[in-house]
Every structure is written in structure tokens, then in C-alpha cells.
Amino acid sequence: MKHLHKILALSFLLGYSIIHAQLDTLNYLKQFETNKANYIGQPFSKLLNDMTQIQPKTAWSISLAGKKTVTPDTRFYFCKKEQSFHNVITLWIEWQNEIPRDQTRYYEKKNHFYFTNDEKNFYGNKIVKDIKVFR
């Protein structure tokens, strides 16, 4: 019984620290959405350079049903791909100019959606049209 109480207490503390870390990440990223006027019309690299505390873990570009050849926006997630995407913190970037879907698909296949230096360089020169942060 003593071990059960210790396990429950440890589980509670671990769960609390994970939730607290997610709230910190969400609050940190929300400041970029609040100050999006500083980034709209600028290369995505400016936003990435200002994000000194955390960088995206994965990048997901989705084409619209009617426009399967272009990507109007990309969702950057701040959790590993192996974790659940339920309630994940998302940085949504709408691009000034739609990106050809074959280009975004290339990086998704090459790096399995992970946000590597390849993606950082690829998306870095794309111009931001809008920013949203949500969970």
C-alpha cells in the first residue's frame, strides 16, 4: 500500500509538470501571435530567430481539397511525432504566397515531418501572412 501511494504521488507530480510545461509553451508562443504585426510580411526566419526558448518539433503542410497542388499554410507542432496530437500546441502559419505542394511533400517524406535544419532553411525565406497559436 505504501508503494501505491508513492507511485500515485509520483504520477501526479509528473502529470502536473507536463501540464505546467505545456502551459508555459502555450503562453510563450501566444506572445508571438499577440505581436504578429512584427512578423506579418516578414520571412518566417525572423519569427524562428526570435523563438529562442523553443523550436517546432514537426511541420505539417496540408493542401486544400480544391487546390491539391499548393499549400496555403503550415502547422508547426511542439511535440514529438510519437506523442498524441490531441490537444497539442500548434503554431499555424499562413503563407503570403502558396507553396507548391510537391515542395512541402518532399520535405515531409525526406524527414518524416520532423522540423530539421532542412525545413528551417526551406520555410525560412517564406513570407508570413498570418499567425495563430492554439491548442
N, C-alpha and C. Protein backbone atom coordinates (compact mmCIF):
# COMPACT_ATOMS: atom_id res chain seq x y z
N MET A 1 0.82 -1.19 0.00
CA MET A 1 0.00 0.00 0.00
C MET A 1 0.87 1.26 0.00
N LYS A 2 1.99 1.24 0.73
CA LYS A 2 2.88 2.40 0.75
C LYS A 2 3.43 2.68 -0.64
N HIS A 3 3.75 1.59 -1.34
CA HIS A 3 4.28 1.75 -2.70
C HIS A 3 3.24 2.35 -3.63
N LEU A 4 1.99 1.97 -3.44
CA LEU A 4 0.92 2.50 -4.27
C LEU A 4 0.78 4.01 -4.07
N HIS A 5 0.86 4.46 -2.82
CA HIS A 5 0.78 5.90 -2.54
C HIS A 5 1.95 6.65 -3.16
N LYS A 6 3.13 6.07 -3.08
CA LYS A 6 4.31 6.70 -3.67
C LYS A 6 4.17 6.79 -5.19
N ILE A 7 3.69 5.72 -5.80
CA ILE A 7 3.51 5.70 -7.25
C ILE A 7 2.47 6.73 -7.67
N LEU A 8 1.36 6.80 -6.94
CA LEU A 8 0.33 7.78 -7.26
C LEU A 8 0.84 9.21 -7.11
N ALA A 9 1.59 9.46 -6.04
CA ALA A 9 2.14 10.80 -5.82
C ALA A 9 3.12 11.17 -6.92
N LEU A 10 3.97 10.24 -7.28
CA LEU A 10 4.94 10.48 -8.35
C LEU A 10 4.23 10.71 -9.69
N SER A 11 3.19 9.92 -9.96
CA SER A 11 2.42 10.09 -11.20
C SER A 11 1.76 11.47 -11.24
N PHE A 12 1.22 11.89 -10.11
CA PHE A 12 0.58 13.20 -10.04
C PHE A 12 1.59 14.31 -10.31
N LEU A 13 2.76 14.22 -9.69
CA LEU A 13 3.79 15.25 -9.88
C LEU A 13 4.27 15.28 -11.34
N LEU A 14 4.45 14.13 -11.93
CA LEU A 14 4.89 14.06 -13.32
C LEU A 14 3.82 14.66 -14.24
N GLY A 15 2.57 14.29 -14.02
CA GLY A 15 1.47 14.84 -14.81
C GLY A 15 1.37 16.34 -14.66
N TYR A 16 1.50 16.83 -13.44
CA TYR A 16 1.44 18.27 -13.20
C TYR A 16 2.57 19.00 -13.91
N SER A 17 3.77 18.44 -13.87
CA SER A 17 4.91 19.11 -14.51
C SER A 17 4.74 19.14 -16.03
N ILE A 18 4.16 18.09 -16.61
CA ILE A 18 3.93 18.08 -18.06
C ILE A 18 2.90 19.13 -18.43
N ILE A 19 1.80 19.21 -17.68
CA ILE A 19 0.76 20.21 -17.95
C ILE A 19 1.32 21.61 -17.79
N HIS A 20 2.11 21.82 -16.73
CA HIS A 20 2.70 23.13 -16.49
C HIS A 20 3.64 23.52 -17.63
N ALA A 21 4.43 22.57 -18.11
CA ALA A 21 5.35 22.84 -19.22
C ALA A 21 4.57 23.20 -20.48
N GLN A 22 3.44 22.53 -20.73
CA GLN A 22 2.63 22.84 -21.91
C GLN A 22 2.04 24.24 -21.80
N LEU A 23 1.59 24.62 -20.60
CA LEU A 23 1.05 25.96 -20.41
C LEU A 23 2.13 27.02 -20.62
N ASP A 24 3.34 26.74 -20.14
CA ASP A 24 4.45 27.67 -20.37
C ASP A 24 4.73 27.82 -21.86
N THR A 25 4.73 26.71 -22.59
CA THR A 25 4.97 26.74 -24.03
C THR A 25 3.85 27.51 -24.72
N LEU A 26 2.61 27.25 -24.34
CA LEU A 26 1.48 27.95 -24.94
C LEU A 26 1.56 29.45 -24.67
N ASN A 27 1.83 29.83 -23.45
CA ASN A 27 1.95 31.26 -23.11
C ASN A 27 3.11 31.91 -23.84
N TYR A 28 4.22 31.19 -23.94
CA TYR A 28 5.38 31.72 -24.66
C TYR A 28 5.04 31.98 -26.13
N LEU A 29 4.38 31.01 -26.76
CA LEU A 29 4.05 31.15 -28.19
C LEU A 29 2.95 32.17 -28.43
N LYS A 30 2.04 32.33 -27.48
CA LYS A 30 0.95 33.29 -27.62
C LYS A 30 1.49 34.72 -27.77
N GLN A 31 2.66 35.00 -27.17
CA GLN A 31 3.22 36.35 -27.31
C GLN A 31 3.57 36.66 -28.77
N PHE A 32 3.92 35.64 -29.54
CA PHE A 32 4.23 35.86 -30.96
C PHE A 32 2.95 36.12 -31.75
N GLU A 33 1.87 35.46 -31.35
CA GLU A 33 0.59 35.73 -32.00
C GLU A 33 0.12 37.14 -31.64
N THR A 34 0.27 37.52 -30.39
CA THR A 34 -0.13 38.86 -29.95
C THR A 34 0.66 39.93 -30.70
N ASN A 35 1.92 39.67 -30.94
CA ASN A 35 2.79 40.63 -31.63
C ASN A 35 2.99 40.28 -33.10
N LYS A 36 1.99 39.64 -33.71
CA LYS A 36 2.16 39.16 -35.08
C LYS A 36 2.39 40.28 -36.09
N ALA A 37 2.03 41.50 -35.75
CA ALA A 37 2.29 42.62 -36.65
C ALA A 37 3.79 42.76 -36.94
N ASN A 38 4.62 42.30 -35.99
CA ASN A 38 6.09 42.34 -36.19
C ASN A 38 6.57 41.31 -37.20
N TYR A 39 5.72 40.30 -37.49
CA TYR A 39 6.16 39.18 -38.32
C TYR A 39 5.42 39.08 -39.65
N ILE A 40 4.23 39.65 -39.73
CA ILE A 40 3.47 39.60 -40.98
C ILE A 40 4.20 40.42 -42.04
N GLY A 41 4.36 39.82 -43.21
CA GLY A 41 5.10 40.46 -44.29
C GLY A 41 6.60 40.25 -44.19
N GLN A 42 7.03 39.50 -43.19
CA GLN A 42 8.45 39.22 -42.96
C GLN A 42 8.73 37.74 -43.25
N PRO A 43 9.99 37.40 -43.51
CA PRO A 43 10.34 35.98 -43.68
C PRO A 43 10.11 35.22 -42.37
N PHE A 44 9.73 33.98 -42.48
CA PHE A 44 9.49 33.12 -41.33
C PHE A 44 10.74 33.01 -40.45
N SER A 45 11.91 33.16 -41.05
CA SER A 45 13.16 33.07 -40.29
C SER A 45 13.22 34.12 -39.18
N LYS A 46 12.60 35.27 -39.37
CA LYS A 46 12.59 36.29 -38.32
C LYS A 46 11.86 35.76 -37.09
N LEU A 47 10.72 35.13 -37.30
CA LEU A 47 9.98 34.54 -36.18
C LEU A 47 10.79 33.43 -35.53
N LEU A 48 11.36 32.55 -36.34
CA LEU A 48 12.15 31.45 -35.79
C LEU A 48 13.34 31.96 -34.98
N ASN A 49 14.00 33.01 -35.47
CA ASN A 49 15.14 33.57 -34.75
C ASN A 49 14.72 34.18 -33.42
N ASP A 50 13.52 34.73 -33.36
CA ASP A 50 13.03 35.31 -32.11
C ASP A 50 12.53 34.26 -31.13
N MET A 51 12.26 33.07 -31.62
CA MET A 51 11.80 31.98 -30.76
C MET A 51 13.03 31.29 -30.15
N THR A 52 13.64 31.95 -29.19
CA THR A 52 14.90 31.45 -28.63
C THR A 52 14.70 30.32 -27.62
N GLN A 53 13.52 30.23 -27.01
CA GLN A 53 13.31 29.23 -25.97
C GLN A 53 12.86 27.87 -26.49
N ILE A 54 12.20 27.86 -27.63
CA ILE A 54 11.67 26.60 -28.16
C ILE A 54 11.54 26.71 -29.67
N GLN A 55 11.71 25.58 -30.33
CA GLN A 55 11.54 25.49 -31.78
C GLN A 55 10.53 24.37 -32.07
N PRO A 56 9.87 24.44 -33.22
CA PRO A 56 8.92 23.38 -33.57
C PRO A 56 9.61 22.02 -33.65
N LYS A 57 8.83 20.98 -33.36
CA LYS A 57 9.34 19.61 -33.47
C LYS A 57 8.97 18.99 -34.82
N THR A 58 7.77 19.33 -35.31
CA THR A 58 7.32 18.79 -36.59
C THR A 58 6.64 19.89 -37.41
N ALA A 59 6.57 19.67 -38.72
CA ALA A 59 5.92 20.61 -39.64
C ALA A 59 4.98 19.82 -40.55
N TRP A 60 3.74 20.29 -40.63
CA TRP A 60 2.71 19.61 -41.41
C TRP A 60 2.05 20.61 -42.35
N SER A 61 2.21 20.40 -43.64
CA SER A 61 1.59 21.26 -44.65
C SER A 61 0.47 20.48 -45.31
N ILE A 62 -0.68 21.11 -45.39
CA ILE A 62 -1.85 20.43 -45.92
C ILE A 62 -2.41 21.24 -47.08
N SER A 63 -2.74 20.55 -48.15
CA SER A 63 -3.36 21.24 -49.28
C SER A 63 -4.88 21.24 -49.09
N LEU A 64 -5.52 22.20 -49.70
CA LEU A 64 -6.97 22.29 -49.63
C LEU A 64 -7.60 21.33 -50.61
N ALA A 65 -8.81 20.93 -50.34
CA ALA A 65 -9.50 19.96 -51.21
C ALA A 65 -9.57 20.43 -52.66
N GLY A 66 -9.87 21.70 -52.87
CA GLY A 66 -9.98 22.22 -54.23
C GLY A 66 -8.66 22.58 -54.87
N LYS A 67 -7.61 22.68 -54.06
CA LYS A 67 -6.29 23.10 -54.55
C LYS A 67 -5.23 22.13 -54.04
N LYS A 68 -5.18 20.96 -54.59
CA LYS A 68 -4.27 19.94 -54.10
C LYS A 68 -2.83 20.15 -54.51
N THR A 69 -2.56 21.14 -55.36
CA THR A 69 -1.20 21.35 -55.84
C THR A 69 -0.46 22.43 -55.07
N VAL A 70 -1.14 23.09 -54.12
CA VAL A 70 -0.49 24.16 -53.36
C VAL A 70 -0.78 23.99 -51.86
N THR A 71 0.11 24.59 -51.08
CA THR A 71 -0.02 24.59 -49.63
C THR A 71 -0.17 26.03 -49.16
N PRO A 72 -1.34 26.41 -48.66
CA PRO A 72 -1.53 27.79 -48.22
C PRO A 72 -1.02 28.05 -46.81
N ASP A 73 -0.88 26.99 -46.01
CA ASP A 73 -0.44 27.17 -44.63
C ASP A 73 0.27 25.93 -44.13
N THR A 74 0.97 26.11 -43.01
CA THR A 74 1.70 25.02 -42.39
C THR A 74 1.44 25.06 -40.89
N ARG A 75 1.30 23.88 -40.31
CA ARG A 75 1.13 23.77 -38.87
C ARG A 75 2.41 23.20 -38.27
N PHE A 76 2.93 23.94 -37.32
CA PHE A 76 4.14 23.53 -36.62
C PHE A 76 3.74 23.08 -35.23
N TYR A 77 4.08 21.83 -34.92
CA TYR A 77 3.72 21.25 -33.62
C TYR A 77 4.93 21.24 -32.70
N PHE A 78 4.65 21.33 -31.43
CA PHE A 78 5.69 21.41 -30.41
C PHE A 78 5.71 20.16 -29.54
N CYS A 79 5.47 19.04 -30.17
CA CYS A 79 5.61 17.74 -29.51
C CYS A 79 6.17 16.77 -30.53
N LYS A 80 6.73 15.70 -30.05
CA LYS A 80 7.29 14.70 -30.95
C LYS A 80 6.18 13.96 -31.66
N LYS A 81 6.50 13.45 -32.82
CA LYS A 81 5.52 12.76 -33.64
C LYS A 81 4.94 11.53 -32.94
N GLU A 82 5.71 10.93 -32.07
CA GLU A 82 5.28 9.72 -31.38
C GLU A 82 4.22 10.02 -30.32
N GLN A 83 4.13 11.28 -29.90
CA GLN A 83 3.14 11.65 -28.90
C GLN A 83 1.80 11.89 -29.58
N SER A 84 0.77 11.89 -28.78
CA SER A 84 -0.57 12.14 -29.31
C SER A 84 -0.68 13.60 -29.76
N PHE A 85 -1.39 13.83 -30.86
CA PHE A 85 -1.62 15.18 -31.34
C PHE A 85 -2.90 15.76 -30.76
N HIS A 86 -3.51 15.02 -29.85
CA HIS A 86 -4.71 15.51 -29.17
C HIS A 86 -4.31 16.66 -28.25
N ASN A 87 -4.90 17.81 -28.45
CA ASN A 87 -4.65 18.98 -27.60
C ASN A 87 -3.22 19.51 -27.70
N VAL A 88 -2.56 19.25 -28.80
CA VAL A 88 -1.17 19.67 -28.96
C VAL A 88 -1.10 21.17 -29.25
N ILE A 89 -0.03 21.79 -28.81
CA ILE A 89 0.18 23.22 -29.06
C ILE A 89 0.64 23.39 -30.51
N THR A 90 -0.05 24.27 -31.22
CA THR A 90 0.17 24.43 -32.66
C THR A 90 0.45 25.88 -33.00
N LEU A 91 1.48 26.08 -33.80
CA LEU A 91 1.77 27.38 -34.40
C LEU A 91 1.34 27.25 -35.86
N TRP A 92 0.26 27.96 -36.23
CA TRP A 92 -0.28 27.90 -37.58
C TRP A 92 0.19 29.13 -38.33
N ILE A 93 0.85 28.90 -39.46
CA ILE A 93 1.36 29.99 -40.30
C ILE A 93 0.67 29.92 -41.65
N GLU A 94 0.03 31.03 -42.02
CA GLU A 94 -0.50 31.16 -43.37
C GLU A 94 0.56 31.92 -44.16
N TRP A 95 0.85 31.41 -45.35
CA TRP A 95 1.91 31.98 -46.17
C TRP A 95 1.36 33.06 -47.10
N GLN A 96 2.17 34.08 -47.33
CA GLN A 96 1.80 35.16 -48.25
C GLN A 96 1.54 34.59 -49.65
N ASN A 97 2.43 33.72 -50.08
CA ASN A 97 2.29 33.05 -51.37
C ASN A 97 2.19 31.55 -51.11
N GLU A 98 1.20 30.93 -51.70
CA GLU A 98 1.05 29.49 -51.53
C GLU A 98 2.31 28.77 -52.00
N ILE A 99 2.65 27.69 -51.30
CA ILE A 99 3.85 26.92 -51.63
C ILE A 99 3.41 25.71 -52.47
N PRO A 100 4.12 25.42 -53.57
CA PRO A 100 3.77 24.22 -54.34
C PRO A 100 3.80 22.97 -53.44
N ARG A 101 2.75 22.18 -53.52
CA ARG A 101 2.60 21.02 -52.64
C ARG A 101 3.72 20.01 -52.85
N ASP A 102 4.23 19.87 -54.04
CA ASP A 102 5.31 18.91 -54.25
C ASP A 102 6.57 19.29 -53.45
N GLN A 103 6.78 20.58 -53.21
CA GLN A 103 7.93 21.01 -52.40
C GLN A 103 7.74 20.65 -50.93
N THR A 104 6.56 20.94 -50.39
CA THR A 104 6.33 20.61 -48.98
C THR A 104 6.30 19.10 -48.78
N ARG A 105 5.73 18.39 -49.73
CA ARG A 105 5.68 16.92 -49.63
C ARG A 105 7.09 16.33 -49.64
N TYR A 106 7.99 16.92 -50.42
CA TYR A 106 9.37 16.44 -50.48
C TYR A 106 9.99 16.42 -49.08
N TYR A 107 9.85 17.51 -48.34
CA TYR A 107 10.45 17.58 -47.00
C TYR A 107 9.72 16.68 -46.00
N GLU A 108 8.41 16.54 -46.16
CA GLU A 108 7.67 15.65 -45.28
C GLU A 108 8.15 14.21 -45.45
N LYS A 109 8.37 13.81 -46.69
CA LYS A 109 8.85 12.45 -46.95
C LYS A 109 10.32 12.30 -46.54
N LYS A 110 11.11 13.30 -46.84
CA LYS A 110 12.55 13.22 -46.56
C LYS A 110 12.83 13.11 -45.06
N ASN A 111 12.15 13.91 -44.26
CA ASN A 111 12.45 13.96 -42.83
C ASN A 111 11.28 13.48 -41.96
N HIS A 112 10.31 12.84 -42.58
CA HIS A 112 9.19 12.24 -41.85
C HIS A 112 8.46 13.24 -40.96
N PHE A 113 8.26 14.44 -41.50
CA PHE A 113 7.54 15.55 -40.86
C PHE A 113 8.33 16.24 -39.75
N TYR A 114 9.50 15.73 -39.39
CA TYR A 114 10.29 16.40 -38.34
C TYR A 114 10.81 17.74 -38.85
N PHE A 115 10.88 18.70 -37.94
CA PHE A 115 11.36 20.04 -38.27
C PHE A 115 12.88 20.06 -38.07
N THR A 116 13.59 19.82 -39.16
CA THR A 116 15.05 19.77 -39.12
C THR A 116 15.60 21.07 -39.71
N ASN A 117 16.90 21.16 -39.82
CA ASN A 117 17.52 22.32 -40.45
C ASN A 117 17.06 22.47 -41.91
N ASP A 118 16.78 21.33 -42.57
CA ASP A 118 16.25 21.39 -43.94
C ASP A 118 14.97 22.22 -43.99
N GLU A 119 14.04 21.90 -43.08
CA GLU A 119 12.77 22.63 -43.05
C GLU A 119 12.98 24.07 -42.61
N LYS A 120 13.86 24.26 -41.68
CA LYS A 120 14.15 25.62 -41.20
C LYS A 120 14.64 26.48 -42.37
N ASN A 121 15.51 25.94 -43.18
CA ASN A 121 16.02 26.66 -44.35
C ASN A 121 14.94 26.83 -45.42
N PHE A 122 14.15 25.79 -45.64
CA PHE A 122 13.11 25.84 -46.66
C PHE A 122 12.04 26.87 -46.31
N TYR A 123 11.48 26.78 -45.11
CA TYR A 123 10.41 27.69 -44.71
C TYR A 123 10.93 29.08 -44.33
N GLY A 124 12.21 29.16 -44.01
CA GLY A 124 12.78 30.41 -43.51
C GLY A 124 12.62 31.61 -44.42
N ASN A 125 12.65 31.40 -45.72
CA ASN A 125 12.51 32.54 -46.63
C ASN A 125 11.07 32.77 -47.09
N LYS A 126 10.13 31.95 -46.62
CA LYS A 126 8.72 32.13 -46.98
C LYS A 126 8.16 33.30 -46.16
N ILE A 127 7.28 34.09 -46.76
CA ILE A 127 6.74 35.29 -46.13
C ILE A 127 5.46 34.95 -45.37
N VAL A 128 5.39 35.41 -44.14
CA VAL A 128 4.26 35.15 -43.24
C VAL A 128 3.10 36.09 -43.58
N LYS A 129 1.91 35.51 -43.75
CA LYS A 129 0.70 36.30 -43.97
C LYS A 129 -0.13 36.42 -42.67
N ASP A 130 -0.14 35.34 -41.88
CA ASP A 130 -0.90 35.35 -40.62
C ASP A 130 -0.32 34.31 -39.68
N ILE A 131 -0.55 34.53 -38.38
CA ILE A 131 -0.06 33.64 -37.33
C ILE A 131 -1.20 33.37 -36.36
N LYS A 132 -1.35 32.09 -36.01
CA LYS A 132 -2.29 31.72 -34.96
C LYS A 132 -1.61 30.66 -34.09
N VAL A 133 -1.85 30.76 -32.79
CA VAL A 133 -1.35 29.78 -31.84
C VAL A 133 -2.56 29.22 -31.11
N PHE A 134 -2.66 27.91 -31.07
CA PHE A 134 -3.80 27.30 -30.38
C PHE A 134 -3.44 25.91 -29.90
N ARG A 135 -4.37 25.39 -29.16
CA ARG A 135 -4.21 24.07 -28.59
C ARG A 135 -5.42 23.23 -28.95
